[in-house]
Amino acid sequence: MLTTDLYASSVQHSLDLAGIFVFAISGALLAVRKNFDVFGIAVLAEATALGGGVFRDLVIGAVPPAAFTDLGYLLMPLVATACVFFLHPHVERINGAVNVFDAAGLGLFCVAGTTKAHDYGLGLTQSAVLGLVTAAGGGVVRDVLANEVPSLLRWDRDLYAVPAIVGSTMAALLIQFEALSGVTSAAAAVTAFVLRLLAMRYGWRAPRAWHRRSSTAEDL
């Protein structure tokens, strides 16, 4: 089943724009914390929101990438930029809510990325990997541009990649067993979403190297 068959096109487009918006908010907020100017805020918002999807589309040969064929995809991060530029003290105060929406975007994009990659002929494992990239790739680009170690790679950050991997894997298995539908794909996205929320709530982190001994106090 093709991704476009899962939902009405208008519903899929609205979900994409919502996910892009919340990812862009997180990028714009980091830019403000880094004291970037308005251009830097816009660049980080665009990179965070669209980076993963652009990489996926280039890998699977869906060119030009959707981010450059749909004006709404390019404009939504600019809307987020304007919101953060003028209202960032208020946005910071509702950062918890932003994180919830970011988790929702993670769940949505890991499933959408997996199914789109499979639509373009990739195997199930490769499709799941690109689902992860779609969901988390923009955050990696954001952190690199902001001269930070990507949150995806840091032990002192709550689980982010793992929920996306779970959601992508579920989507791939649903495709394998010909059980992919609007309901089951939503279930995979919700699973990733809930895992991310639980990780934030309880501070779940991935394990470090077995029997690692910290050499500095800050590593403990």
Protein backbone atom coordinates (compact mmCIF):
# COMPACT_ATOMS: atom_id res chain seq x y z
CA MET A 1 0.00 0.00 0.00
CA LEU A 2 1.34 3.41 -0.91
CA THR A 3 1.69 6.13 1.70
CA THR A 4 -0.69 8.30 -0.27
CA ASP A 5 -3.37 5.63 0.16
CA LEU A 6 -3.27 5.71 3.96
CA TYR A 7 -4.95 9.08 4.48
CA ALA A 8 -6.70 11.69 2.42
CA SER A 9 -4.07 13.91 0.80
CA SER A 10 -5.35 16.97 2.67
CA VAL A 11 -5.02 15.17 6.01
CA GLN A 12 -1.51 13.94 5.20
CA HIS A 13 -0.46 17.43 4.12
CA SER A 14 -1.85 18.99 7.30
CA LEU A 15 -0.01 16.45 9.46
CA ASP A 16 3.22 17.13 7.58
CA LEU A 17 2.88 20.89 8.10
CA ALA A 18 2.13 20.44 11.80
CA GLY A 19 5.23 18.28 12.23
CA ILE A 20 7.37 20.73 10.27
CA PHE A 21 6.13 23.61 12.43
CA VAL A 22 7.00 22.05 15.78
CA PHE A 23 10.42 20.87 14.56
CA ALA A 24 11.06 24.38 13.26
CA ILE A 25 10.13 25.84 16.66
CA SER A 26 12.79 23.71 18.35
CA GLY A 27 15.41 24.86 15.84
CA ALA A 28 14.45 28.51 16.19
CA LEU A 29 14.56 28.32 19.99
CA LEU A 30 18.09 26.89 19.91
CA ALA A 31 19.11 29.73 17.59
CA VAL A 32 17.77 32.28 20.08
CA ARG A 33 19.69 30.59 22.91
CA LYS A 34 22.81 30.80 20.74
CA ASN A 35 22.17 34.52 20.16
CA PHE A 36 21.77 34.13 16.38
CA ASP A 37 20.31 36.95 14.31
CA VAL A 38 17.01 36.63 12.48
CA PHE A 39 18.64 35.03 9.44
CA GLY A 40 20.34 32.47 11.64
CA ILE A 41 17.06 31.73 13.38
CA ALA A 42 15.37 31.13 10.02
CA VAL A 43 18.20 28.90 8.77
CA LEU A 44 18.12 26.75 11.89
CA ALA A 45 14.33 26.51 11.75
CA GLU A 46 14.39 25.43 8.10
CA ALA A 47 17.23 22.95 8.64
CA THR A 48 15.58 21.34 11.65
CA ALA A 49 12.19 21.03 10.02
CA LEU A 50 13.25 19.88 6.57
CA GLY A 51 16.73 18.36 6.89
CA GLY A 52 15.65 14.77 7.50
CA GLY A 53 13.04 14.75 4.76
CA VAL A 54 15.37 16.33 2.20
CA PHE A 55 18.07 13.73 2.92
CA ARG A 56 15.53 10.91 2.59
CA ASP A 57 14.20 12.21 -0.71
CA LEU A 58 17.71 12.58 -2.15
CA VAL A 59 18.59 9.01 -1.14
CA ILE A 60 15.46 7.46 -2.65
CA GLY A 61 15.58 9.61 -5.78
CA ALA A 62 12.43 11.62 -5.08
CA VAL A 63 13.81 14.75 -6.70
CA PRO A 64 13.35 17.58 -6.42
CA PRO A 65 12.66 16.92 -2.71
CA ALA A 66 9.15 17.62 -1.46
CA ALA A 67 10.50 20.55 0.57
CA PHE A 68 11.24 22.35 -2.72
CA THR A 69 8.09 21.45 -4.60
CA ASP A 70 5.55 22.43 -1.94
CA LEU A 71 5.71 26.10 -0.97
CA GLY A 72 3.97 25.37 2.32
CA TYR A 73 6.88 23.21 3.45
CA LEU A 74 9.29 26.11 2.98
CA LEU A 75 7.01 28.75 4.44
CA MET A 76 5.97 26.92 7.62
CA PRO A 77 9.45 27.18 9.21
CA LEU A 78 9.39 30.91 8.45
CA VAL A 79 6.11 31.17 10.35
CA ALA A 80 7.80 29.39 13.26
CA THR A 81 10.73 31.79 12.94
CA ALA A 82 8.43 34.80 13.22
CA CYS A 83 6.68 33.33 16.27
CA VAL A 84 9.95 32.67 18.07
CA PHE A 85 11.55 35.96 17.00
CA PHE A 86 8.76 38.05 18.51
CA LEU A 87 7.42 35.73 21.21
CA HIS A 88 10.39 33.62 22.33
CA PRO A 89 9.99 34.41 26.07
CA HIS A 90 6.43 33.09 25.89
CA VAL A 91 7.42 30.11 23.74
CA GLU A 92 10.17 29.22 26.23
CA ARG A 93 7.58 29.16 29.02
CA ILE A 94 5.55 26.55 27.15
CA ASN A 95 8.64 24.55 26.19
CA GLY A 96 7.09 21.44 27.77
CA ALA A 97 4.16 21.67 25.37
CA VAL A 98 6.54 22.22 22.46
CA ASN A 99 8.40 19.04 23.46
CA VAL A 100 5.12 17.12 23.41
CA PHE A 101 4.38 18.32 19.89
CA ASP A 102 7.97 17.54 18.89
CA ALA A 103 7.42 13.97 20.13
CA ALA A 104 4.27 13.82 18.01
CA GLY A 105 6.25 14.98 14.97
CA LEU A 106 8.86 12.32 15.69
CA GLY A 107 6.21 9.60 15.66
CA LEU A 108 4.58 10.90 12.51
CA PHE A 109 7.76 11.37 10.51
CA CYS A 110 9.42 8.05 11.39
CA VAL A 111 6.41 6.19 10.02
CA ALA A 112 5.90 8.46 7.01
CA GLY A 113 9.61 8.27 6.17
CA THR A 114 9.62 4.47 6.32
CA THR A 115 6.58 4.05 4.12
CA LYS A 116 7.75 6.60 1.54
CA ALA A 117 11.16 4.94 1.28
CA HIS A 118 9.46 1.58 0.72
CA ASP A 119 7.20 3.11 -1.91
CA TYR A 120 10.37 4.03 -3.83
CA GLY A 121 11.63 0.45 -3.85
CA LEU A 122 13.91 0.20 -0.82
CA GLY A 123 14.03 -2.94 1.31
CA LEU A 124 12.36 -3.03 4.70
CA THR A 125 15.55 -2.54 6.73
CA GLN A 126 16.72 0.35 4.58
CA SER A 127 13.25 1.88 4.72
CA ALA A 128 13.24 1.73 8.53
CA VAL A 129 16.65 3.41 8.63
CA LEU A 130 15.39 6.22 6.44
CA GLY A 131 12.35 6.51 8.69
CA LEU A 132 14.72 7.22 11.56
CA VAL A 133 16.65 9.70 9.43
CA THR A 134 13.44 11.48 8.44
CA ALA A 135 12.42 11.88 12.07
CA ALA A 136 15.78 12.74 13.63
CA GLY A 137 18.01 13.96 10.80
CA GLY A 138 16.88 17.56 11.03
CA GLY A 139 17.84 17.70 14.69
CA VAL A 140 21.34 16.46 13.85
CA VAL A 141 21.72 19.16 11.17
CA ARG A 142 20.45 21.76 13.66
CA ASP A 143 22.99 20.80 16.32
CA VAL A 144 25.90 20.67 13.86
CA LEU A 145 25.05 24.14 12.53
CA ALA A 146 24.82 25.40 16.12
CA ASN A 147 28.26 23.89 16.88
CA GLU A 148 26.94 21.37 19.39
CA VAL A 149 27.35 17.63 19.74
CA PRO A 150 24.09 16.28 18.24
CA SER A 151 21.58 15.45 20.97
CA LEU A 152 21.04 12.14 19.20
CA LEU A 153 24.57 11.07 20.19
CA ARG A 154 24.67 12.35 23.76
CA TRP A 155 24.25 10.04 26.73
CA ASP A 156 22.93 12.87 28.91
CA ARG A 157 19.82 13.35 26.74
CA ASP A 158 16.56 11.44 27.04
CA LEU A 159 15.95 8.71 24.49
CA TYR A 160 15.14 10.18 21.08
CA ALA A 161 16.43 7.82 18.42
CA VAL A 162 15.08 4.69 20.13
CA PRO A 163 11.39 5.72 19.93
CA ALA A 164 11.90 6.61 16.26
CA ILE A 165 13.57 3.25 15.62
CA VAL A 166 10.66 1.46 17.27
CA GLY A 167 8.11 3.37 15.19
CA SER A 168 10.05 2.80 11.95
CA THR A 169 10.48 -0.89 12.70
CA MET A 170 6.79 -1.29 13.42
CA ALA A 171 5.95 0.37 10.11
CA ALA A 172 8.38 -1.92 8.27
CA LEU A 173 6.87 -5.03 9.91
CA LEU A 174 3.38 -3.86 9.02
CA ILE A 175 4.49 -3.55 5.40
CA GLN A 176 6.10 -7.01 5.56
CA PHE A 177 2.89 -8.63 6.76
CA GLU A 178 0.67 -6.54 4.48
CA ALA A 179 -1.07 -5.05 7.51
CA LEU A 180 -0.29 -1.40 6.81
CA SER A 181 -3.37 0.81 6.98
CA GLY A 182 -4.34 4.21 8.30
CA VAL A 183 -5.15 2.69 11.68
CA THR A 184 -2.02 0.52 12.01
CA SER A 185 0.33 3.25 10.79
CA ALA A 186 -1.23 5.60 13.32
CA ALA A 187 -0.64 2.96 16.00
CA ALA A 188 3.07 2.82 15.07
CA ALA A 189 3.32 6.61 15.22
CA VAL A 190 1.54 6.71 18.58
CA THR A 191 3.87 4.05 19.96
CA ALA A 192 6.92 6.15 19.08
CA PHE A 193 5.18 9.23 20.49
CA VAL A 194 4.36 7.55 23.81
CA LEU A 195 7.86 6.10 24.17
CA ARG A 196 9.34 9.55 23.66
CA LEU A 197 6.99 11.04 26.26
CA LEU A 198 7.89 8.32 28.77
CA ALA A 199 11.58 8.90 28.13
CA MET A 200 11.14 12.60 28.88
CA ARG A 201 9.00 11.91 31.93
CA TYR A 202 11.28 9.33 33.53
CA GLY A 203 14.64 10.40 32.15
CA TRP A 204 15.26 7.20 30.20
CA ARG A 205 18.68 7.10 28.53
CA ALA A 206 20.55 4.64 26.38
CA PRO A 207 23.33 2.68 28.14
CA ARG A 208 26.95 3.68 27.73
CA ALA A 209 29.83 1.29 27.09
CA TRP A 210 29.83 -1.81 29.31
CA HIS A 211 31.78 -1.29 32.55
CA ARG A 212 32.80 2.18 31.46
CA ARG A 213 34.68 4.12 34.12
CA SER A 214 34.25 7.90 34.07
CA SER A 215 37.47 9.88 34.31
CA THR A 216 35.91 13.25 35.10
CA ALA A 217 33.23 14.32 37.50
CA GLU A 218 31.07 15.77 34.73
CA ASP A 219 30.84 12.33 33.08
CA LEU A 220 29.29 10.69 36.12
